[in-house]
Amino acid sequence: MKLFRVEVSTDRTDFIATNDKAQDSTEVVQKECGLRWKVEEFHREIKQLTGIDKCQCRKARIQRNHISCAILVLVRLKHLARKTHQTVYQIKYNLLGNYLTEELRNPSVAMTLV
């Protein structure tokens, strides 16, 4: 095991542990951790924003379709977020908020009490 000390700012220090005994460069370890963090962000965003983990399909083909659609949705949200200088979470919740507001004003399904 190797332990690297990384100064993040003047008042904060992080420690990174690795089992790669050949690793000698703090910069390389820090860059690799940055890449891993991006993967973690991707998994969190795709779960929270697209509902990828809520698929109840049993057939492999339908699961692949669901995953593909979820990835396409996330790519589109990311594109819109960059274009409008917002976060993907703001984009999603603004879309939902606009939809709910419009549905409350003009319901697409008529509700009648029996």
PDB file of N, CA and C in Angstrom:
ATOM      1  N   MET A   1       0.837  -1.177   0.000  1.00  0.00           N
ATOM      2  CA  MET A   1       0.000   0.000   0.000  1.00  0.00           C
ATOM      3  C   MET A   1       0.881   1.239   0.000  1.00  0.00           C
ATOM      4  N   LYS A   2       0.472   2.240  -0.767  1.00  0.00           N
ATOM      5  CA  LYS A   2       1.163   3.527  -0.766  1.00  0.00           C
ATOM      6  C   LYS A   2       0.152   4.608  -0.422  1.00  0.00           C
ATOM      7  N   LEU A   3       0.613   5.596   0.329  1.00  0.00           N
ATOM      8  CA  LEU A   3      -0.225   6.707   0.756  1.00  0.00           C
ATOM      9  C   LEU A   3       0.373   7.994   0.215  1.00  0.00           C
ATOM     10  N   PHE A   4      -0.457   8.768  -0.487  1.00  0.00           N
ATOM     11  CA  PHE A   4      -0.023  10.042  -1.048  1.00  0.00           C
ATOM     12  C   PHE A   4      -0.759  11.174  -0.344  1.00  0.00           C
ATOM     13  N   ARG A   5      -0.021  12.214  -0.027  1.00  0.00           N
ATOM     14  CA  ARG A   5      -0.597  13.407   0.596  1.00  0.00           C
ATOM     15  C   ARG A   5      -0.756  14.457  -0.494  1.00  0.00           C
ATOM     16  N   VAL A   6      -1.977  14.964  -0.656  1.00  0.00           N
ATOM     17  CA  VAL A   6      -2.273  15.939  -1.695  1.00  0.00           C
ATOM     18  C   VAL A   6      -2.820  17.197  -1.042  1.00  0.00           C
ATOM     19  N   GLU A   7      -2.157  18.323  -1.284  1.00  0.00           N
ATOM     20  CA  GLU A   7      -2.652  19.599  -0.765  1.00  0.00           C
ATOM     21  C   GLU A   7      -3.687  20.151  -1.734  1.00  0.00           C
ATOM     22  N   VAL A   8      -4.929  20.195  -1.277  1.00  0.00           N
ATOM     23  CA  VAL A   8      -6.022  20.686  -2.113  1.00  0.00           C
ATOM     24  C   VAL A   8      -6.055  22.206  -2.085  1.00  0.00           C
ATOM     25  N   SER A   9      -5.878  22.785  -0.915  1.00  0.00           N
ATOM     26  CA  SER A   9      -5.789  24.233  -0.758  1.00  0.00           C
ATOM     27  C   SER A   9      -4.864  24.511   0.422  1.00  0.00           C
ATOM     28  N   THR A  10      -4.749  25.774   0.798  1.00  0.00           N
ATOM     29  CA  THR A  10      -3.830  26.120   1.888  1.00  0.00           C
ATOM     30  C   THR A  10      -4.281  25.559   3.229  1.00  0.00           C
ATOM     31  N   ASP A  11      -5.576  25.323   3.384  1.00  0.00           N
ATOM     32  CA  ASP A  11      -6.071  24.828   4.669  1.00  0.00           C
ATOM     33  C   ASP A  11      -6.667  23.420   4.596  1.00  0.00           C
ATOM     34  N   ARG A  12      -6.444  22.726   3.475  1.00  0.00           N
ATOM     35  CA  ARG A  12      -7.020  21.383   3.334  1.00  0.00           C
ATOM     36  C   ARG A  12      -6.037  20.428   2.664  1.00  0.00           C
ATOM     37  N   THR A  13      -5.892  19.246   3.258  1.00  0.00           N
ATOM     38  CA  THR A  13      -5.030  18.212   2.716  1.00  0.00           C
ATOM     39  C   THR A  13      -5.827  16.921   2.590  1.00  0.00           C
ATOM     40  N   ASP A  14      -5.727  16.271   1.442  1.00  0.00           N
ATOM     41  CA  ASP A  14      -6.361  14.965   1.228  1.00  0.00           C
ATOM     42  C   ASP A  14      -5.286  13.891   1.183  1.00  0.00           C
ATOM     43  N   PHE A  15      -5.688  12.681   1.495  1.00  0.00           N
ATOM     44  CA  PHE A  15      -4.788  11.541   1.403  1.00  0.00           C
ATOM     45  C   PHE A  15      -5.391  10.534   0.446  1.00  0.00           C
ATOM     46  N   ILE A  16      -4.547   9.998  -0.444  1.00  0.00           N
ATOM     47  CA  ILE A  16      -4.995   9.017  -1.423  1.00  0.00           C
ATOM     48  C   ILE A  16      -4.170   7.755  -1.208  1.00  0.00           C
ATOM     49  N   ALA A  17      -4.855   6.636  -1.036  1.00  0.00           N
ATOM     50  CA  ALA A  17      -4.177   5.353  -0.858  1.00  0.00           C
ATOM     51  C   ALA A  17      -4.315   4.528  -2.134  1.00  0.00           C
ATOM     52  N   THR A  18      -3.245   3.820  -2.494  1.00  0.00           N
ATOM     53  CA  THR A  18      -3.273   2.960  -3.667  1.00  0.00           C
ATOM     54  C   THR A  18      -2.525   1.660  -3.366  1.00  0.00           C
ATOM     55  N   ASN A  19      -2.909   0.609  -4.058  1.00  0.00           N
ATOM     56  CA  ASN A  19      -2.185  -0.650  -3.911  1.00  0.00           C
ATOM     57  C   ASN A  19      -1.200  -0.865  -5.056  1.00  0.00           C
ATOM     58  N   ASP A  20      -1.063   0.141  -5.923  1.00  0.00           N
ATOM     59  CA  ASP A  20      -0.091   0.105  -7.015  1.00  0.00           C
ATOM     60  C   ASP A  20       1.269   0.534  -6.467  1.00  0.00           C
ATOM     61  N   LYS A  21       2.097  -0.440  -6.131  1.00  0.00           N
ATOM     62  CA  LYS A  21       3.392  -0.144  -5.502  1.00  0.00           C
ATOM     63  C   LYS A  21       4.367   0.519  -6.460  1.00  0.00           C
ATOM     64  N   ALA A  22       4.120   0.403  -7.761  1.00  0.00           N
ATOM     65  CA  ALA A  22       5.000   1.025  -8.744  1.00  0.00           C
ATOM     66  C   ALA A  22       4.716   2.520  -8.908  1.00  0.00           C
ATOM     67  N   GLN A  23       3.617   2.977  -8.375  1.00  0.00           N
ATOM     68  CA  GLN A  23       3.220   4.376  -8.519  1.00  0.00           C
ATOM     69  C   GLN A  23       4.102   5.272  -7.654  1.00  0.00           C
ATOM     70  N   ASP A  24       4.701   6.296  -8.276  1.00  0.00           N
ATOM     71  CA  ASP A  24       5.568   7.217  -7.547  1.00  0.00           C
ATOM     72  C   ASP A  24       5.128   8.671  -7.682  1.00  0.00           C
ATOM     73  N   SER A  25       4.208   8.946  -8.581  1.00  0.00           N
ATOM     74  CA  SER A  25       3.842  10.327  -8.881  1.00  0.00           C
ATOM     75  C   SER A  25       2.507  10.711  -8.237  1.00  0.00           C
ATOM     76  N   THR A  26       2.545  11.752  -7.434  1.00  0.00           N
ATOM     77  CA  THR A  26       1.321  12.258  -6.810  1.00  0.00           C
ATOM     78  C   THR A  26       0.357  12.791  -7.864  1.00  0.00           C
ATOM     79  N   GLU A  27       0.897  13.429  -8.900  1.00  0.00           N
ATOM     80  CA  GLU A  27       0.054  14.019  -9.942  1.00  0.00           C
ATOM     81  C   GLU A  27      -0.724  12.942 -10.704  1.00  0.00           C
ATOM     82  N   VAL A  28      -0.055  11.824 -11.002  1.00  0.00           N
ATOM     83  CA  VAL A  28      -0.716  10.728 -11.729  1.00  0.00           C
ATOM     84  C   VAL A  28      -1.820  10.115 -10.868  1.00  0.00           C
ATOM     85  N   VAL A  29      -1.540   9.920  -9.582  1.00  0.00           N
ATOM     86  CA  VAL A  29      -2.541   9.355  -8.670  1.00  0.00           C
ATOM     87  C   VAL A  29      -3.730  10.299  -8.561  1.00  0.00           C
ATOM     88  N   GLN A  30      -3.452  11.588  -8.467  1.00  0.00           N
ATOM     89  CA  GLN A  30      -4.520  12.584  -8.363  1.00  0.00           C
ATOM     90  C   GLN A  30      -5.365  12.602  -9.641  1.00  0.00           C
ATOM     91  N   LYS A  31      -4.727  12.502 -10.807  1.00  0.00           N
ATOM     92  CA  LYS A  31      -5.453  12.484 -12.082  1.00  0.00           C
ATOM     93  C   LYS A  31      -6.339  11.243 -12.186  1.00  0.00           C
ATOM     94  N   GLU A  32      -5.810  10.096 -11.764  1.00  0.00           N
ATOM     95  CA  GLU A  32      -6.579   8.856 -11.808  1.00  0.00           C
ATOM     96  C   GLU A  32      -7.793   8.925 -10.883  1.00  0.00           C
ATOM     97  N   CYS A  33      -7.617   9.515  -9.710  1.00  0.00           N
ATOM     98  CA  CYS A  33      -8.752   9.682  -8.788  1.00  0.00           C
ATOM     99  C   CYS A  33      -9.805  10.609  -9.385  1.00  0.00           C
ATOM    100  N   GLY A  34      -9.355  11.605 -10.140  1.00  0.00           N
ATOM    101  CA  GLY A  34     -10.293  12.496 -10.817  1.00  0.00           C
ATOM    102  C   GLY A  34     -11.138  11.758 -11.837  1.00  0.00           C
ATOM    103  N   LEU A  35     -10.492  10.831 -12.574  1.00  0.00           N
ATOM    104  CA  LEU A  35     -11.235  10.022 -13.538  1.00  0.00           C
ATOM    105  C   LEU A  35     -12.244   9.116 -12.836  1.00  0.00           C
ATOM    106  N   ARG A  36     -11.827   8.510 -11.735  1.00  0.00           N
ATOM    107  CA  ARG A  36     -12.745   7.649 -10.985  1.00  0.00           C
ATOM    108  C   ARG A  36     -13.931   8.438 -10.459  1.00  0.00           C
ATOM    109  N   TRP A  37     -13.677   9.672 -10.041  1.00  0.00           N
ATOM    110  CA  TRP A  37     -14.760  10.507  -9.528  1.00  0.00           C
ATOM    111  C   TRP A  37     -15.782  10.789 -10.625  1.00  0.00           C
ATOM    112  N   LYS A  38     -15.320  10.995 -11.857  1.00  0.00           N
ATOM    113  CA  LYS A  38     -16.234  11.226 -12.976  1.00  0.00           C
ATOM    114  C   LYS A  38     -17.132  10.008 -13.204  1.00  0.00           C
ATOM    115  N   VAL A  39     -16.588   8.811 -13.053  1.00  0.00           N
ATOM    116  CA  VAL A  39     -17.385   7.584 -13.192  1.00  0.00           C
ATOM    117  C   VAL A  39     -18.445   7.529 -12.092  1.00  0.00           C
ATOM    118  N   GLU A  40     -18.053   7.884 -10.862  1.00  0.00           N
ATOM    119  CA  GLU A  40     -19.010   7.913  -9.749  1.00  0.00           C
ATOM    120  C   GLU A  40     -20.119   8.924 -10.009  1.00  0.00           C
ATOM    121  N   GLU A  41     -19.766  10.103 -10.537  1.00  0.00           N
ATOM    122  CA  GLU A  41     -20.770  11.118 -10.873  1.00  0.00           C
ATOM    123  C   GLU A  41     -21.743  10.589 -11.922  1.00  0.00           C
ATOM    124  N   PHE A  42     -21.210   9.917 -12.950  1.00  0.00           N
ATOM    125  CA  PHE A  42     -22.042   9.356 -14.003  1.00  0.00           C
ATOM    126  C   PHE A  42     -23.055   8.370 -13.424  1.00  0.00           C
ATOM    127  N   HIS A  43     -22.593   7.447 -12.569  1.00  0.00           N
ATOM    128  CA  HIS A  43     -23.504   6.462 -11.983  1.00  0.00           C
ATOM    129  C   HIS A  43     -24.573   7.135 -11.128  1.00  0.00           C
ATOM    130  N   ARG A  44     -24.190   8.116 -10.325  1.00  0.00           N
ATOM    131  CA  ARG A  44     -25.155   8.807  -9.477  1.00  0.00           C
ATOM    132  C   ARG A  44     -26.189   9.543 -10.331  1.00  0.00           C
ATOM    133  N   GLU A  45     -25.719  10.275 -11.342  1.00  0.00           N
ATOM    134  CA  GLU A  45     -26.640  11.046 -12.177  1.00  0.00           C
ATOM    135  C   GLU A  45     -27.588  10.153 -12.960  1.00  0.00           C
ATOM    136  N   ILE A  46     -27.080   9.073 -13.527  1.00  0.00           N
ATOM    137  CA  ILE A  46     -27.959   8.227 -14.341  1.00  0.00           C
ATOM    138  C   ILE A  46     -29.016   7.550 -13.470  1.00  0.00           C
ATOM    139  N   LYS A  47     -28.674   7.225 -12.240  1.00  0.00           N
ATOM    140  CA  LYS A  47     -29.663   6.621 -11.335  1.00  0.00           C
ATOM    141  C   LYS A  47     -30.684   7.651 -10.881  1.00  0.00           C
ATOM    142  N   GLN A  48     -30.225   8.834 -10.482  1.00  0.00           N
ATOM    143  CA  GLN A  48     -31.126   9.828  -9.910  1.00  0.00           C
ATOM    144  C   GLN A  48     -31.976  10.532 -10.954  1.00  0.00           C
ATOM    145  N   LEU A  49     -31.477  10.677 -12.162  1.00  0.00           N
ATOM    146  CA  LEU A  49     -32.184  11.486 -13.155  1.00  0.00           C
ATOM    147  C   LEU A  49     -32.998  10.691 -14.161  1.00  0.00           C
ATOM    148  N   THR A  50     -32.650   9.435 -14.385  1.00  0.00           N
ATOM    149  CA  THR A  50     -33.328   8.696 -15.452  1.00  0.00           C
ATOM    150  C   THR A  50     -34.154   7.512 -14.971  1.00  0.00           C
ATOM    151  N   GLY A  51     -33.985   7.084 -13.740  1.00  0.00           N
ATOM    152  CA  GLY A  51     -34.722   5.931 -13.255  1.00  0.00           C
ATOM    153  C   GLY A  51     -34.210   4.622 -13.815  1.00  0.00           C
ATOM    154  N   ILE A  52     -32.950   4.570 -14.185  1.00  0.00           N
ATOM    155  CA  ILE A  52     -32.375   3.364 -14.788  1.00  0.00           C
ATOM    156  C   ILE A  52     -32.473   2.161 -13.854  1.00  0.00           C
ATOM    157  N   ASP A  53     -32.426   2.410 -12.560  1.00  0.00           N
ATOM    158  CA  ASP A  53     -32.443   1.307 -11.590  1.00  0.00           C
ATOM    159  C   ASP A  53     -33.852   0.813 -11.269  1.00  0.00           C
ATOM    160  N   LYS A  54     -34.857   1.434 -11.854  1.00  0.00           N
ATOM    161  CA  LYS A  54     -36.236   1.058 -11.538  1.00  0.00           C
ATOM    162  C   LYS A  54     -36.880   0.172 -12.600  1.00  0.00           C
ATOM    163  N   CYS A  55     -36.094  -0.315 -13.535  1.00  0.00           N
ATOM    164  CA  CYS A  55     -36.607  -1.175 -14.593  1.00  0.00           C
ATOM    165  C   CYS A  55     -36.999  -2.537 -14.012  1.00  0.00           C
ATOM    166  N   GLN A  56     -38.230  -2.966 -14.279  1.00  0.00           N
ATOM    167  CA  GLN A  56     -38.686  -4.250 -13.771  1.00  0.00           C
ATOM    168  C   GLN A  56     -38.849  -5.274 -14.888  1.00  0.00           C
ATOM    169  N   CYS A  57     -38.233  -5.007 -16.011  1.00  0.00           N
ATOM    170  CA  CYS A  57     -38.312  -5.932 -17.142  1.00  0.00           C
ATOM    171  C   CYS A  57     -37.487  -7.177 -16.862  1.00  0.00           C
ATOM    172  N   ARG A  58     -37.926  -8.287 -17.394  1.00  0.00           N
ATOM    173  CA  ARG A  58     -37.231  -9.551 -17.184  1.00  0.00           C
ATOM    174  C   ARG A  58     -36.397  -9.968 -18.389  1.00  0.00           C
ATOM    175  N   LYS A  59     -36.811  -9.578 -19.569  1.00  0.00           N
ATOM    176  CA  LYS A  59     -36.103  -9.987 -20.779  1.00  0.00           C
ATOM    177  C   LYS A  59     -34.884  -9.101 -21.016  1.00  0.00           C
ATOM    178  N   ALA A  60     -33.803  -9.742 -21.431  1.00  0.00           N
ATOM    179  CA  ALA A  60     -32.527  -9.032 -21.625  1.00  0.00           C
ATOM    180  C   ALA A  60     -32.642  -7.923 -22.670  1.00  0.00           C
ATOM    181  N   ARG A  61     -33.356  -8.180 -23.748  1.00  0.00           N
ATOM    182  CA  ARG A  61     -33.482  -7.177 -24.810  1.00  0.00           C
ATOM    183  C   ARG A  61     -34.193  -5.922 -24.307  1.00  0.00           C
ATOM    184  N   ILE A  62     -35.243  -6.093 -23.541  1.00  0.00           N
ATOM    185  CA  ILE A  62     -35.978  -4.946 -23.002  1.00  0.00           C
ATOM    186  C   ILE A  62     -35.120  -4.188 -21.991  1.00  0.00           C
ATOM    187  N   GLN A  63     -34.336  -4.912 -21.196  1.00  0.00           N
ATOM    188  CA  GLN A  63     -33.426  -4.253 -20.257  1.00  0.00           C
ATOM    189  C   GLN A  63     -32.379  -3.429 -21.003  1.00  0.00           C
ATOM    190  N   ARG A  64     -31.832  -3.990 -22.077  1.00  0.00           N
ATOM    191  CA  ARG A  64     -30.857  -3.236 -22.878  1.00  0.00           C
ATOM    192  C   ARG A  64     -31.495  -1.990 -23.478  1.00  0.00           C
ATOM    193  N   ASN A  65     -32.733  -2.106 -23.955  1.00  0.00           N
ATOM    194  CA  ASN A  65     -33.441  -0.943 -24.500  1.00  0.00           C
ATOM    195  C   ASN A  65     -33.637   0.125 -23.425  1.00  0.00           C
ATOM    196  N   HIS A  66     -34.013  -0.319 -22.232  1.00  0.00           N
ATOM    197  CA  HIS A  66     -34.225   0.607 -21.114  1.00  0.00           C
ATOM    198  C   HIS A  66     -32.922   1.337 -20.762  1.00  0.00           C
ATOM    199  N   ILE A  67     -31.829   0.594 -20.683  1.00  0.00           N
ATOM    200  CA  ILE A  67     -30.532   1.195 -20.371  1.00  0.00           C
ATOM    201  C   ILE A  67     -30.116   2.171 -21.468  1.00  0.00           C
ATOM    202  N   SER A  68     -30.304   1.788 -22.722  1.00  0.00           N
ATOM    203  CA  SER A  68     -29.954   2.665 -23.845  1.00  0.00           C
ATOM    204  C   SER A  68     -30.754   3.962 -23.807  1.00  0.00           C
ATOM    205  N   CYS A  69     -32.041   3.853 -23.544  1.00  0.00           N
ATOM    206  CA  CYS A  69     -32.881   5.055 -23.458  1.00  0.00           C
ATOM    207  C   CYS A  69     -32.460   5.948 -22.295  1.00  0.00           C
ATOM    208  N   ALA A  70     -32.122   5.338 -21.172  1.00  0.00           N
ATOM    209  CA  ALA A  70     -31.681   6.109 -20.009  1.00  0.00           C
ATOM    210  C   ALA A  70     -30.388   6.863 -20.316  1.00  0.00           C
ATOM    211  N   ILE A  71     -29.471   6.215 -21.010  1.00  0.00           N
ATOM    212  CA  ILE A  71     -28.213   6.882 -21.374  1.00  0.00           C
ATOM    213  C   ILE A  71     -28.476   8.023 -22.348  1.00  0.00           C
ATOM    214  N   LEU A  72     -29.378   7.811 -23.320  1.00  0.00           N
ATOM    215  CA  LEU A  72     -29.727   8.880 -24.254  1.00  0.00           C
ATOM    216  C   LEU A  72     -30.347  10.075 -23.532  1.00  0.00           C
ATOM    217  N   VAL A  73     -31.194   9.812 -22.539  1.00  0.00           N
ATOM    218  CA  VAL A  73     -31.805  10.887 -21.758  1.00  0.00           C
ATOM    219  C   VAL A  73     -30.725  11.659 -21.005  1.00  0.00           C
ATOM    220  N   LEU A  74     -29.794  10.955 -20.381  1.00  0.00           N
ATOM    221  CA  LEU A  74     -28.733  11.630 -19.633  1.00  0.00           C
ATOM    222  C   LEU A  74     -27.851  12.471 -20.553  1.00  0.00           C
ATOM    223  N   VAL A  75     -27.536  11.943 -21.732  1.00  0.00           N
ATOM    224  CA  VAL A  75     -26.729  12.706 -22.694  1.00  0.00           C
ATOM    225  C   VAL A  75     -27.464  13.982 -23.096  1.00  0.00           C
ATOM    226  N   ARG A  76     -28.766  13.872 -23.320  1.00  0.00           N
ATOM    227  CA  ARG A  76     -29.554  15.062 -23.692  1.00  0.00           C
ATOM    228  C   ARG A  76     -29.614  16.063 -22.547  1.00  0.00           C
ATOM    229  N   LEU A  77     -29.811  15.589 -21.329  1.00  0.00           N
ATOM    230  CA  LEU A  77     -29.826  16.485 -20.170  1.00  0.00           C
ATOM    231  C   LEU A  77     -28.487  17.194 -20.012  1.00  0.00           C
ATOM    232  N   LYS A  78     -27.388  16.470 -20.198  1.00  0.00           N
ATOM    233  CA  LYS A  78     -26.050  17.062 -20.105  1.00  0.00           C
ATOM    234  C   LYS A  78     -25.861  18.140 -21.169  1.00  0.00           C
ATOM    235  N   HIS A  79     -26.326  17.846 -22.390  1.00  0.00           N
ATOM    236  CA  HIS A  79     -26.221  18.815 -23.476  1.00  0.00           C
ATOM    237  C   HIS A  79     -27.004  20.092 -23.151  1.00  0.00           C
ATOM    238  N   LEU A  80     -28.239  19.931 -22.692  1.00  0.00           N
ATOM    239  CA  LEU A  80     -29.059  21.086 -22.324  1.00  0.00           C
ATOM    240  C   LEU A  80     -28.442  21.863 -21.162  1.00  0.00           C
ATOM    241  N   ALA A  81     -27.868  21.143 -20.211  1.00  0.00           N
ATOM    242  CA  ALA A  81     -27.263  21.796 -19.052  1.00  0.00           C
ATOM    243  C   ALA A  81     -26.078  22.662 -19.483  1.00  0.00           C
ATOM    244  N   ARG A  82     -25.239  22.140 -20.363  1.00  0.00           N
ATOM    245  CA  ARG A  82     -24.102  22.931 -20.847  1.00  0.00           C
ATOM    246  C   ARG A  82     -24.573  24.146 -21.637  1.00  0.00           C
ATOM    247  N   LYS A  83     -25.599  23.924 -22.451  1.00  0.00           N
ATOM    248  CA  LYS A  83     -26.116  24.988 -23.314  1.00  0.00           C
ATOM    249  C   LYS A  83     -26.749  26.123 -22.507  1.00  0.00           C
ATOM    250  N   THR A  84     -27.438  25.791 -21.416  1.00  0.00           N
ATOM    251  CA  THR A  84     -28.159  26.798 -20.626  1.00  0.00           C
ATOM    252  C   THR A  84     -27.417  27.217 -19.358  1.00  0.00           C
ATOM    253  N   HIS A  85     -26.225  26.657 -19.137  1.00  0.00           N
ATOM    254  CA  HIS A  85     -25.415  26.968 -17.947  1.00  0.00           C
ATOM    255  C   HIS A  85     -26.163  26.648 -16.655  1.00  0.00           C
ATOM    256  N   GLN A  86     -26.816  25.493 -16.647  1.00  0.00           N
ATOM    257  CA  GLN A  86     -27.510  24.994 -15.463  1.00  0.00           C
ATOM    258  C   GLN A  86     -26.971  23.606 -15.143  1.00  0.00           C
ATOM    259  N   THR A  87     -27.382  23.074 -13.990  1.00  0.00           N
ATOM    260  CA  THR A  87     -27.019  21.698 -13.678  1.00  0.00           C
ATOM    261  C   THR A  87     -28.053  20.761 -14.297  1.00  0.00           C
ATOM    262  N   VAL A  88     -27.689  19.490 -14.419  1.00  0.00           N
ATOM    263  CA  VAL A  88     -28.645  18.523 -14.962  1.00  0.00           C
ATOM    264  C   VAL A  88     -29.848  18.379 -14.038  1.00  0.00           C
ATOM    265  N   TYR A  89     -29.638  18.574 -12.744  1.00  0.00           N
ATOM    266  CA  TYR A  89     -30.741  18.484 -11.785  1.00  0.00           C
ATOM    267  C   TYR A  89     -31.709  19.651 -11.976  1.00  0.00           C
ATOM    268  N   GLN A  90     -31.194  20.843 -12.214  1.00  0.00           N
ATOM    269  CA  GLN A  90     -32.066  21.990 -12.477  1.00  0.00           C
ATOM    270  C   GLN A  90     -32.876  21.784 -13.748  1.00  0.00           C
ATOM    271  N   ILE A  91     -32.235  21.270 -14.787  1.00  0.00           N
ATOM    272  CA  ILE A  91     -32.939  21.011 -16.051  1.00  0.00           C
ATOM    273  C   ILE A  91     -34.091  20.045 -15.824  1.00  0.00           C
ATOM    274  N   LYS A  92     -33.824  18.927 -15.155  1.00  0.00           N
ATOM    275  CA  LYS A  92     -34.864  17.916 -14.944  1.00  0.00           C
ATOM    276  C   LYS A  92     -36.029  18.474 -14.131  1.00  0.00           C
ATOM    277  N   TYR A  93     -35.738  19.126 -13.034  1.00  0.00           N
ATOM    278  CA  TYR A  93     -36.813  19.583 -12.167  1.00  0.00           C
ATOM    279  C   TYR A  93     -37.565  20.770 -12.748  1.00  0.00           C
ATOM    280  N   ASN A  94     -36.912  21.584 -13.582  1.00  0.00           N
ATOM    281  CA  ASN A  94     -37.634  22.638 -14.294  1.00  0.00           C
ATOM    282  C   ASN A  94     -38.586  22.034 -15.314  1.00  0.00           C
ATOM    283  N   LEU A  95     -38.132  20.977 -16.011  1.00  0.00           N
ATOM    284  CA  LEU A  95     -39.019  20.298 -16.972  1.00  0.00           C
ATOM    285  C   LEU A  95     -40.238  19.716 -16.262  1.00  0.00           C
ATOM    286  N   LEU A  96     -40.003  19.052 -15.125  1.00  0.00           N
ATOM    287  CA  LEU A  96     -41.119  18.471 -14.371  1.00  0.00           C
ATOM    288  C   LEU A  96     -42.044  19.550 -13.827  1.00  0.00           C
ATOM    289  N   GLY A  97     -41.459  20.630 -13.331  1.00  0.00           N
ATOM    290  CA  GLY A  97     -42.260  21.728 -12.789  1.00  0.00           C
ATOM    291  C   GLY A  97     -43.132  22.367 -13.854  1.00  0.00           C
ATOM    292  N   ASN A  98     -42.565  22.589 -15.043  1.00  0.00           N
ATOM    293  CA  ASN A  98     -43.331  23.169 -16.154  1.00  0.00           C
ATOM    294  C   ASN A  98     -44.464  22.243 -16.572  1.00  0.00           C
ATOM    295  N   TYR A  99     -44.191  20.940 -16.614  1.00  0.00           N
ATOM    296  CA  TYR A  99     -45.218  19.967 -16.976  1.00  0.00           C
ATOM    297  C   TYR A  99     -46.355  19.967 -15.958  1.00  0.00           C
ATOM    298  N   LEU A 100     -46.010  19.929 -14.681  1.00  0.00           N
ATOM    299  CA  LEU A 100     -47.040  19.919 -13.644  1.00  0.00           C
ATOM    300  C   LEU A 100     -47.888  21.190 -13.673  1.00  0.00           C
ATOM    301  N   THR A 101     -47.253  22.324 -13.858  1.00  0.00           N
ATOM    302  CA  THR A 101     -47.979  23.598 -13.927  1.00  0.00           C
ATOM    303  C   THR A 101     -48.977  23.578 -15.083  1.00  0.00           C
ATOM    304  N   GLU A 102     -48.519  23.110 -16.238  1.00  0.00           N
ATOM    305  CA  GLU A 102     -49.401  23.059 -17.412  1.00  0.00           C
ATOM    306  C   GLU A 102     -50.542  22.070 -17.203  1.00  0.00           C
ATOM    307  N   GLU A 103     -50.271  20.919 -16.589  1.00  0.00           N
ATOM    308  CA  GLU A 103     -51.316  19.929 -16.326  1.00  0.00           C
ATOM    309  C   GLU A 103     -52.348  20.455 -15.333  1.00  0.00           C
ATOM    310  N   LEU A 104     -51.921  21.211 -14.360  1.00  0.00           N
ATOM    311  CA  LEU A 104     -52.874  21.783 -13.406  1.00  0.00           C
ATOM    312  C   LEU A 104     -53.740  22.847 -14.060  1.00  0.00           C
ATOM    313  N   ARG A 105     -53.168  23.597 -14.990  1.00  0.00           N
ATOM    314  CA  ARG A 105     -53.944  24.627 -15.700  1.00  0.00           C
ATOM    315  C   ARG A 105     -54.906  24.006 -16.715  1.00  0.00           C
ATOM    316  N   ASN A 106     -54.399  23.051 -17.481  1.00  0.00           N
ATOM    317  CA  ASN A 106     -55.176  22.409 -18.545  1.00  0.00           C
ATOM    318  C   ASN A 106     -54.971  20.908 -18.472  1.00  0.00           C
ATOM    319  N   PRO A 107     -55.755  20.195 -17.669  1.00  0.00           N
ATOM    320  CA  PRO A 107     -55.567  18.741 -17.524  1.00  0.00           C
ATOM    321  C   PRO A 107     -55.745  18.009 -18.848  1.00  0.00           C
ATOM    322  N   SER A 108     -54.850  17.083 -19.132  1.00  0.00           N
ATOM    323  CA  SER A 108     -54.968  16.305 -20.374  1.00  0.00           C
ATOM    324  C   SER A 108     -55.936  15.141 -20.216  1.00  0.00           C
ATOM    325  N   VAL A 109     -56.230  14.762 -18.966  1.00  0.00           N
ATOM    326  CA  VAL A 109     -57.187  13.708 -18.675  1.00  0.00           C
ATOM    327  C   VAL A 109     -58.293  14.316 -17.816  1.00  0.00           C
ATOM    328  N   ALA A 110     -59.534  14.188 -18.292  1.00  0.00           N
ATOM    329  CA  ALA A 110     -60.656  14.741 -17.542  1.00  0.00           C
ATOM    330  C   ALA A 110     -60.989  13.819 -16.366  1.00  0.00           C
ATOM    331  N   MET A 111     -61.103  14.400 -15.202  1.00  0.00           N
ATOM    332  CA  MET A 111     -61.441  13.628 -13.995  1.00  0.00           C
ATOM    333  C   MET A 111     -62.903  13.924 -13.647  1.00  0.00           C
ATOM    334  N   THR A 112     -63.677  12.873 -13.466  1.00  0.00           N
ATOM    335  CA  THR A 112     -65.066  13.056 -13.061  1.00  0.00           C
ATOM    336  C   THR A 112     -65.318  12.213 -11.806  1.00  0.00           C
ATOM    337  N   LEU A 113     -66.060  12.761 -10.901  1.00  0.00           N
ATOM    338  CA  LEU A 113     -66.434  12.031  -9.681  1.00  0.00           C
ATOM    339  C   LEU A 113     -67.735  11.295  -9.935  1.00  0.00           C
ATOM    340  N   VAL A 114     -67.793  10.069  -9.516  1.00  0.00           N
ATOM    341  CA  VAL A 114     -69.004   9.251  -9.710  1.00  0.00           C
ATOM    342  C   VAL A 114     -69.789   9.208  -8.432  1.00  0.00           C
TER     343      VAL A 114
END
